Amino acid sequence: LESEIEDGAAKFVVLGIGVNVRLQDFPPELNAAALEEFTPNVNRKALLENILTELREQYERFLESPSSALELWRSQNSTLGRAVRVLLPDGSSWDGVAVDVASDGGLQVKLPSGELKTVFAGDVSLRHT
């Protein structure tokens, strides 16, 4: 998720998701799976239609009640409470623990020093400890 905020309002939001459809040789540390392992002959067009429908429904939910959408996001976020590495657009990175999603959508990460940082743009990956 990437966004630009100006005067307290989002100018734009970019959402990137990845779906492993085809089985590949994933590195063991990824612990990844592909849809074809569970559903042979995945129809990619139908999959995309379903994803877009769900995104539209969640966006409408957000417009109706931002706070309930945020609570749902928090409750289903598998990153919270886990060790992460954050790679920022400028190439810098840091490690910490994902602790919350702020009301503005930023991921809050607690660094080993105790400092709390909020991520709005970048790559967040789970770390195995």
C-alpha atoms as a PDB file:
ATOM      1  CA  LEU A   1       0.000   0.000   0.000  1.00  0.00           C
ATOM      2  CA  GLU A   2       1.377   3.379  -0.946  1.00  0.00           C
ATOM      3  CA  SER A   3      -0.312   6.738  -0.690  1.00  0.00           C
ATOM      4  CA  GLU A   4       0.267  10.449  -0.769  1.00  0.00           C
ATOM      5  CA  ILE A   5      -1.421  12.562   1.880  1.00  0.00           C
ATOM      6  CA  GLU A   6      -1.909  16.304   1.473  1.00  0.00           C
ATOM      7  CA  ASP A   7      -3.789  18.520   3.930  1.00  0.00           C
ATOM      8  CA  GLY A   8      -5.028  15.431   5.772  1.00  0.00           C
ATOM      9  CA  ALA A   9      -6.591  13.852   2.678  1.00  0.00           C
ATOM     10  CA  ALA A  10      -5.323  11.114   0.391  1.00  0.00           C
ATOM     11  CA  LYS A  11      -4.318  12.378  -3.051  1.00  0.00           C
ATOM     12  CA  PHE A  12      -3.901   8.772  -4.220  1.00  0.00           C
ATOM     13  CA  VAL A  13      -3.535   5.251  -2.916  1.00  0.00           C
ATOM     14  CA  VAL A  14      -1.749   2.398  -4.695  1.00  0.00           C
ATOM     15  CA  LEU A  15      -2.414  -1.140  -3.549  1.00  0.00           C
ATOM     16  CA  GLY A  16      -0.118  -3.934  -4.628  1.00  0.00           C
ATOM     17  CA  ILE A  17      -0.968  -7.564  -4.022  1.00  0.00           C
ATOM     18  CA  GLY A  18       0.611 -10.763  -5.179  1.00  0.00           C
ATOM     19  CA  VAL A  19      -1.157 -14.051  -5.816  1.00  0.00           C
ATOM     20  CA  ASN A  20       0.835 -17.192  -6.537  1.00  0.00           C
ATOM     21  CA  VAL A  21      -1.297 -19.025  -9.078  1.00  0.00           C
ATOM     22  CA  ARG A  22       1.164 -21.413 -10.685  1.00  0.00           C
ATOM     23  CA  LEU A  23       3.325 -23.810  -8.720  1.00  0.00           C
ATOM     24  CA  GLN A  24       6.999 -22.816  -8.785  1.00  0.00           C
ATOM     25  CA  ASP A  25      10.152 -23.697  -6.896  1.00  0.00           C
ATOM     26  CA  PHE A  26       9.826 -21.198  -4.062  1.00  0.00           C
ATOM     27  CA  PRO A  27      12.755 -20.821  -1.648  1.00  0.00           C
ATOM     28  CA  PRO A  28      11.966 -22.813   1.522  1.00  0.00           C
ATOM     29  CA  GLU A  29      12.279 -19.728   3.739  1.00  0.00           C
ATOM     30  CA  LEU A  30       9.285 -18.151   1.991  1.00  0.00           C
ATOM     31  CA  ASN A  31       6.984 -20.956   3.113  1.00  0.00           C
ATOM     32  CA  ALA A  32       4.905 -20.051   0.032  1.00  0.00           C
ATOM     33  CA  ALA A  33       2.144 -21.934  -1.715  1.00  0.00           C
ATOM     34  CA  ALA A  34       0.298 -21.572  -5.000  1.00  0.00           C
ATOM     35  CA  LEU A  35      -3.444 -21.730  -5.662  1.00  0.00           C
ATOM     36  CA  GLU A  36      -2.958 -24.616  -8.077  1.00  0.00           C
ATOM     37  CA  GLU A  37      -1.891 -26.772  -5.130  1.00  0.00           C
ATOM     38  CA  PHE A  38      -5.440 -26.503  -3.781  1.00  0.00           C
ATOM     39  CA  THR A  39      -7.520 -25.780  -6.901  1.00  0.00           C
ATOM     40  CA  PRO A  40      -6.260 -27.265 -10.167  1.00  0.00           C
ATOM     41  CA  ASN A  41      -6.796 -25.279 -13.378  1.00  0.00           C
ATOM     42  CA  VAL A  42      -7.339 -21.889 -11.765  1.00  0.00           C
ATOM     43  CA  ASN A  43      -9.302 -19.553 -14.024  1.00  0.00           C
ATOM     44  CA  ARG A  44      -7.223 -16.359 -13.832  1.00  0.00           C
ATOM     45  CA  LYS A  45      -9.980 -14.157 -15.274  1.00  0.00           C
ATOM     46  CA  ALA A  46     -12.503 -15.360 -12.678  1.00  0.00           C
ATOM     47  CA  LEU A  47      -9.892 -14.964  -9.948  1.00  0.00           C
ATOM     48  CA  LEU A  48      -9.216 -11.364 -10.970  1.00  0.00           C
ATOM     49  CA  GLU A  49     -12.951 -10.610 -11.144  1.00  0.00           C
ATOM     50  CA  ASN A  50     -13.414 -12.001  -7.615  1.00  0.00           C
ATOM     51  CA  ILE A  51     -10.477 -10.009  -6.250  1.00  0.00           C
ATOM     52  CA  LEU A  52     -11.726  -6.774  -7.846  1.00  0.00           C
ATOM     53  CA  THR A  53     -15.267  -7.378  -6.553  1.00  0.00           C
ATOM     54  CA  GLU A  54     -13.964  -7.917  -3.020  1.00  0.00           C
ATOM     55  CA  LEU A  55     -11.756  -4.816  -3.236  1.00  0.00           C
ATOM     56  CA  ARG A  56     -14.749  -2.741  -4.384  1.00  0.00           C
ATOM     57  CA  GLU A  57     -16.866  -4.058  -1.504  1.00  0.00           C
ATOM     58  CA  GLN A  58     -14.140  -3.319   1.034  1.00  0.00           C
ATOM     59  CA  TYR A  59     -13.642   0.170  -0.418  1.00  0.00           C
ATOM     60  CA  GLU A  60     -17.378   0.856  -0.121  1.00  0.00           C
ATOM     61  CA  ARG A  61     -17.258  -0.412   3.469  1.00  0.00           C
ATOM     62  CA  PHE A  62     -14.378   1.966   4.146  1.00  0.00           C
ATOM     63  CA  LEU A  63     -16.324   4.922   2.708  1.00  0.00           C
ATOM     64  CA  GLU A  64     -19.327   4.075   4.901  1.00  0.00           C
ATOM     65  CA  SER A  65     -17.341   3.534   8.097  1.00  0.00           C
ATOM     66  CA  PRO A  66     -13.568   4.091   8.066  1.00  0.00           C
ATOM     67  CA  SER A  67     -13.220   2.974  11.690  1.00  0.00           C
ATOM     68  CA  SER A  68     -14.965  -0.388  11.160  1.00  0.00           C
ATOM     69  CA  ALA A  69     -12.887  -1.010   8.019  1.00  0.00           C
ATOM     70  CA  LEU A  70      -9.741  -0.259  10.036  1.00  0.00           C
ATOM     71  CA  GLU A  71     -10.795  -2.669  12.800  1.00  0.00           C
ATOM     72  CA  LEU A  72     -11.413  -5.400  10.217  1.00  0.00           C
ATOM     73  CA  TRP A  73      -7.975  -4.704   8.687  1.00  0.00           C
ATOM     74  CA  ARG A  74      -6.332  -4.948  12.107  1.00  0.00           C
ATOM     75  CA  SER A  75      -8.148  -8.173  12.998  1.00  0.00           C
ATOM     76  CA  GLN A  76      -7.088  -9.908   9.773  1.00  0.00           C
ATOM     77  CA  ASN A  77      -3.565  -8.510   9.488  1.00  0.00           C
ATOM     78  CA  SER A  78      -1.132 -11.416   9.810  1.00  0.00           C
ATOM     79  CA  THR A  79       1.841  -9.040  10.061  1.00  0.00           C
ATOM     80  CA  LEU A  80       0.919  -7.531  13.439  1.00  0.00           C
ATOM     81  CA  GLY A  81       2.936  -8.903  16.337  1.00  0.00           C
ATOM     82  CA  ARG A  82       5.597 -10.329  14.038  1.00  0.00           C
ATOM     83  CA  ALA A  83       9.210  -9.396  13.325  1.00  0.00           C
ATOM     84  CA  VAL A  84       9.547  -7.460  10.067  1.00  0.00           C
ATOM     85  CA  ARG A  85      12.148  -5.809   7.881  1.00  0.00           C
ATOM     86  CA  VAL A  86      11.131  -2.542   6.233  1.00  0.00           C
ATOM     87  CA  LEU A  87      12.795  -1.477   2.978  1.00  0.00           C
ATOM     88  CA  LEU A  88      12.048   2.165   2.235  1.00  0.00           C
ATOM     89  CA  PRO A  89      11.892   3.780  -1.215  1.00  0.00           C
ATOM     90  CA  ASP A  90      15.215   5.563  -0.561  1.00  0.00           C
ATOM     91  CA  GLY A  91      16.947   2.175  -0.128  1.00  0.00           C
ATOM     92  CA  SER A  92      17.347   2.366   3.646  1.00  0.00           C
ATOM     93  CA  SER A  93      15.953  -0.395   5.831  1.00  0.00           C
ATOM     94  CA  TRP A  94      15.319  -1.273   9.450  1.00  0.00           C
ATOM     95  CA  ASP A  95      14.060  -4.212  11.488  1.00  0.00           C
ATOM     96  CA  GLY A  96      11.404  -4.206  14.161  1.00  0.00           C
ATOM     97  CA  VAL A  97       8.064  -5.642  15.212  1.00  0.00           C
ATOM     98  CA  ALA A  98       4.812  -4.632  13.486  1.00  0.00           C
ATOM     99  CA  VAL A  99       2.570  -3.512  16.345  1.00  0.00           C
ATOM    100  CA  ASP A 100      -0.444  -1.709  14.878  1.00  0.00           C
ATOM    101  CA  VAL A 101      -2.120  -0.037  11.930  1.00  0.00           C
ATOM    102  CA  ALA A 102      -2.560   3.678  12.612  1.00  0.00           C
ATOM    103  CA  SER A 103      -5.858   5.433  11.909  1.00  0.00           C
ATOM    104  CA  ASP A 104      -4.275   6.945   8.774  1.00  0.00           C
ATOM    105  CA  GLY A 105      -3.383   3.466   7.466  1.00  0.00           C
ATOM    106  CA  GLY A 106       0.324   3.529   8.262  1.00  0.00           C
ATOM    107  CA  LEU A 107       1.938   0.388   9.642  1.00  0.00           C
ATOM    108  CA  GLN A 108       3.441   1.071  13.061  1.00  0.00           C
ATOM    109  CA  VAL A 109       6.712  -0.727  13.698  1.00  0.00           C
ATOM    110  CA  LYS A 110       8.533  -0.814  17.031  1.00  0.00           C
ATOM    111  CA  LEU A 111      12.316  -0.778  16.605  1.00  0.00           C
ATOM    112  CA  PRO A 112      14.674  -2.627  18.989  1.00  0.00           C
ATOM    113  CA  SER A 113      15.475   0.768  20.581  1.00  0.00           C
ATOM    114  CA  GLY A 114      11.805   1.133  21.524  1.00  0.00           C
ATOM    115  CA  GLU A 115      11.219   3.889  18.969  1.00  0.00           C
ATOM    116  CA  LEU A 116       7.894   3.633  17.131  1.00  0.00           C
ATOM    117  CA  LYS A 117       8.024   4.350  13.394  1.00  0.00           C
ATOM    118  CA  THR A 118       5.134   4.518  10.935  1.00  0.00           C
ATOM    119  CA  VAL A 119       5.503   3.137   7.416  1.00  0.00           C
ATOM    120  CA  PHE A 120       3.423   4.609   4.607  1.00  0.00           C
ATOM    121  CA  ALA A 121       5.430   3.391   1.622  1.00  0.00           C
ATOM    122  CA  GLY A 122       7.974   0.620   1.192  1.00  0.00           C
ATOM    123  CA  ASP A 123       8.324  -3.147   1.243  1.00  0.00           C
ATOM    124  CA  VAL A 124       7.601  -4.962   4.485  1.00  0.00           C
ATOM    125  CA  SER A 125       8.743  -8.572   4.788  1.00  0.00           C
ATOM    126  CA  LEU A 126       8.362 -11.018   7.649  1.00  0.00           C
ATOM    127  CA  ARG A 127      11.554 -12.008   9.443  1.00  0.00           C
ATOM    128  CA  HIS A 128      12.131 -15.429  10.906  1.00  0.00           C
ATOM    129  CA  THR A 129      13.465 -15.191  14.434  1.00  0.00           C
END
